[in-house]
Amino acid sequence: MDSPERPGDLQPEIAEMSYTPHPGASSASDPGASSEIAAVIKRHEAQLFAIDGVEGLNIGRDQIGRDAILIFVRDRSVESRLSREIEGFPVIEGFPVVVEVSGIIDTQPAG
C-alpha cells in the first residue's frame, strides 16, 4: 500500500513542453551558428587578450544552453575588469559571455 505524500517528499515530474531557443542560439541542425560565434570571437580576440588576466577563449554554452563566448580568466578580479573594458558586457555581438576562472594557462612543451 502506498504511503500518503508528505510535504518535502520528492516526486518525479513528468511534463512535455516545447522549447524554442532565442533567434541567435545554435543547434546541432544549425552548423552556421558555430561559425558565426567563432567569427565574433576572432573579431574580438585581440581586444580580449589585451586585458591582463584573460587566459583563453572558446565557444561554449550558457546556463540555459545558448551558444556563448567562454572567457577563461586567471582569477575573479579579472571578471570585474571585463565589465569595464568590454562594451555591452556580458554580451558581445548578441552572444552571451560566460566567464570561467581557470588560473594561469601555460603551454606545455611537445614531446
Protein backbone atom coordinates (compact mmCIF):
# COMPACT_ATOMS: atom_id res chain seq x y z
CA MET A 1 0.00 0.00 0.00
CA ASP A 2 1.33 3.44 -0.93
CA SER A 3 2.02 5.83 1.88
CA PRO A 4 0.43 9.27 1.68
CA GLU A 5 2.54 12.09 0.24
CA ARG A 6 4.20 14.28 2.81
CA PRO A 7 5.45 17.83 2.26
CA GLY A 8 9.08 17.71 1.17
CA ASP A 9 8.83 14.28 -0.50
CA LEU A 10 10.43 14.39 -3.91
CA GLN A 11 8.22 13.12 -6.68
CA PRO A 12 9.28 12.74 -10.30
CA GLU A 13 7.85 15.35 -12.61
CA ILE A 14 6.61 14.30 -15.99
CA ALA A 15 5.82 17.12 -18.37
CA GLU A 16 6.02 17.86 -22.02
CA MET A 17 6.61 21.32 -23.35
CA SER A 18 8.12 22.77 -26.47
CA TYR A 19 11.39 24.67 -26.36
CA THR A 20 12.22 27.38 -28.83
CA PRO A 21 15.67 28.91 -28.36
CA HIS A 22 16.21 32.60 -28.98
CA PRO A 23 16.95 33.53 -32.61
CA GLY A 24 20.73 33.77 -32.03
CA ALA A 25 21.06 30.32 -30.50
CA SER A 26 22.57 27.47 -32.42
CA SER A 27 21.61 23.86 -32.53
CA ALA A 28 23.05 20.69 -33.98
CA SER A 29 20.91 21.33 -37.06
CA ASP A 30 22.41 24.82 -37.48
CA PRO A 31 26.15 24.47 -38.08
CA GLY A 32 26.31 28.06 -39.34
CA ALA A 33 25.71 29.39 -35.83
CA SER A 34 29.01 27.91 -34.61
CA SER A 35 30.89 29.62 -37.40
CA GLU A 36 29.09 32.88 -36.57
CA ILE A 37 30.19 32.83 -32.92
CA ALA A 38 33.71 31.79 -33.98
CA ALA A 39 33.84 34.86 -36.23
CA VAL A 40 32.70 37.08 -33.33
CA ILE A 41 35.44 35.64 -31.12
CA LYS A 42 38.01 36.19 -33.87
CA ARG A 43 36.95 39.85 -34.25
CA HIS A 44 37.32 40.49 -30.51
CA GLU A 45 40.30 38.22 -29.82
CA ALA A 46 42.98 40.97 -29.76
CA GLN A 47 40.85 43.23 -27.54
CA LEU A 48 40.11 40.40 -25.09
CA PHE A 49 43.67 39.09 -24.87
CA ALA A 50 44.90 42.67 -24.29
CA ILE A 51 43.11 42.56 -20.92
CA ASP A 52 45.60 41.40 -18.30
CA GLY A 53 44.41 38.11 -16.83
CA VAL A 54 42.47 36.80 -19.82
CA GLU A 55 43.94 33.34 -20.37
CA GLY A 56 41.78 31.83 -23.12
CA LEU A 57 38.69 31.99 -25.31
CA ASN A 58 36.36 29.30 -26.56
CA ILE A 59 32.82 28.53 -27.67
CA GLY A 60 30.55 27.06 -25.01
CA ARG A 61 27.04 27.24 -23.62
CA ASP A 62 25.45 29.48 -21.04
CA GLN A 63 23.28 28.23 -18.18
CA ILE A 64 20.24 27.83 -20.41
CA GLY A 65 22.01 26.15 -23.31
CA ARG A 66 22.58 29.05 -25.70
CA ASP A 67 25.85 29.38 -27.60
CA ALA A 68 28.15 31.55 -25.53
CA ILE A 69 31.62 33.04 -25.63
CA LEU A 70 33.74 31.47 -22.90
CA ILE A 71 36.40 33.71 -21.44
CA PHE A 72 38.92 31.95 -19.22
CA VAL A 73 40.47 34.27 -16.63
CA ARG A 74 43.33 33.99 -14.14
CA ASP A 75 41.18 34.97 -11.13
CA ARG A 76 37.84 36.57 -10.17
CA SER A 77 39.31 40.09 -10.13
CA VAL A 78 39.69 39.93 -13.91
CA GLU A 79 35.94 39.45 -14.34
CA SER A 80 35.20 42.88 -12.86
CA ARG A 81 37.66 44.48 -15.29
CA LEU A 82 35.92 42.78 -18.23
CA SER A 83 32.71 44.67 -17.50
CA ARG A 84 34.61 47.98 -17.63
CA GLU A 85 36.62 47.19 -20.76
CA ILE A 86 34.08 45.40 -22.98
CA GLU A 87 31.20 47.49 -24.27
CA GLY A 88 27.87 45.74 -23.69
CA PHE A 89 29.35 43.11 -21.34
CA PRO A 90 28.11 40.41 -20.56
CA VAL A 91 27.06 40.20 -24.22
CA ILE A 92 29.31 40.52 -27.26
CA GLU A 93 27.59 41.00 -30.62
CA GLY A 94 24.46 39.26 -29.34
CA PHE A 95 26.22 36.27 -27.78
CA PRO A 96 26.23 35.86 -24.00
CA VAL A 97 29.60 35.77 -22.27
CA VAL A 98 30.44 33.12 -19.66
CA VAL A 99 33.50 33.77 -17.51
CA GLU A 100 35.38 30.79 -16.06
CA VAL A 101 38.24 31.09 -13.57
CA SER A 102 40.94 28.82 -14.97
CA GLY A 103 44.04 30.07 -13.23
CA ILE A 104 47.14 30.62 -15.33
CA ILE A 105 47.11 28.65 -18.56
CA ASP A 106 50.60 27.81 -19.69
CA THR A 107 51.62 25.88 -22.77
CA GLN A 108 53.33 22.55 -22.29
CA PRO A 109 56.38 21.55 -24.32
CA ALA A 110 55.74 18.99 -27.05
CA GLY A 111 57.03 15.51 -26.58
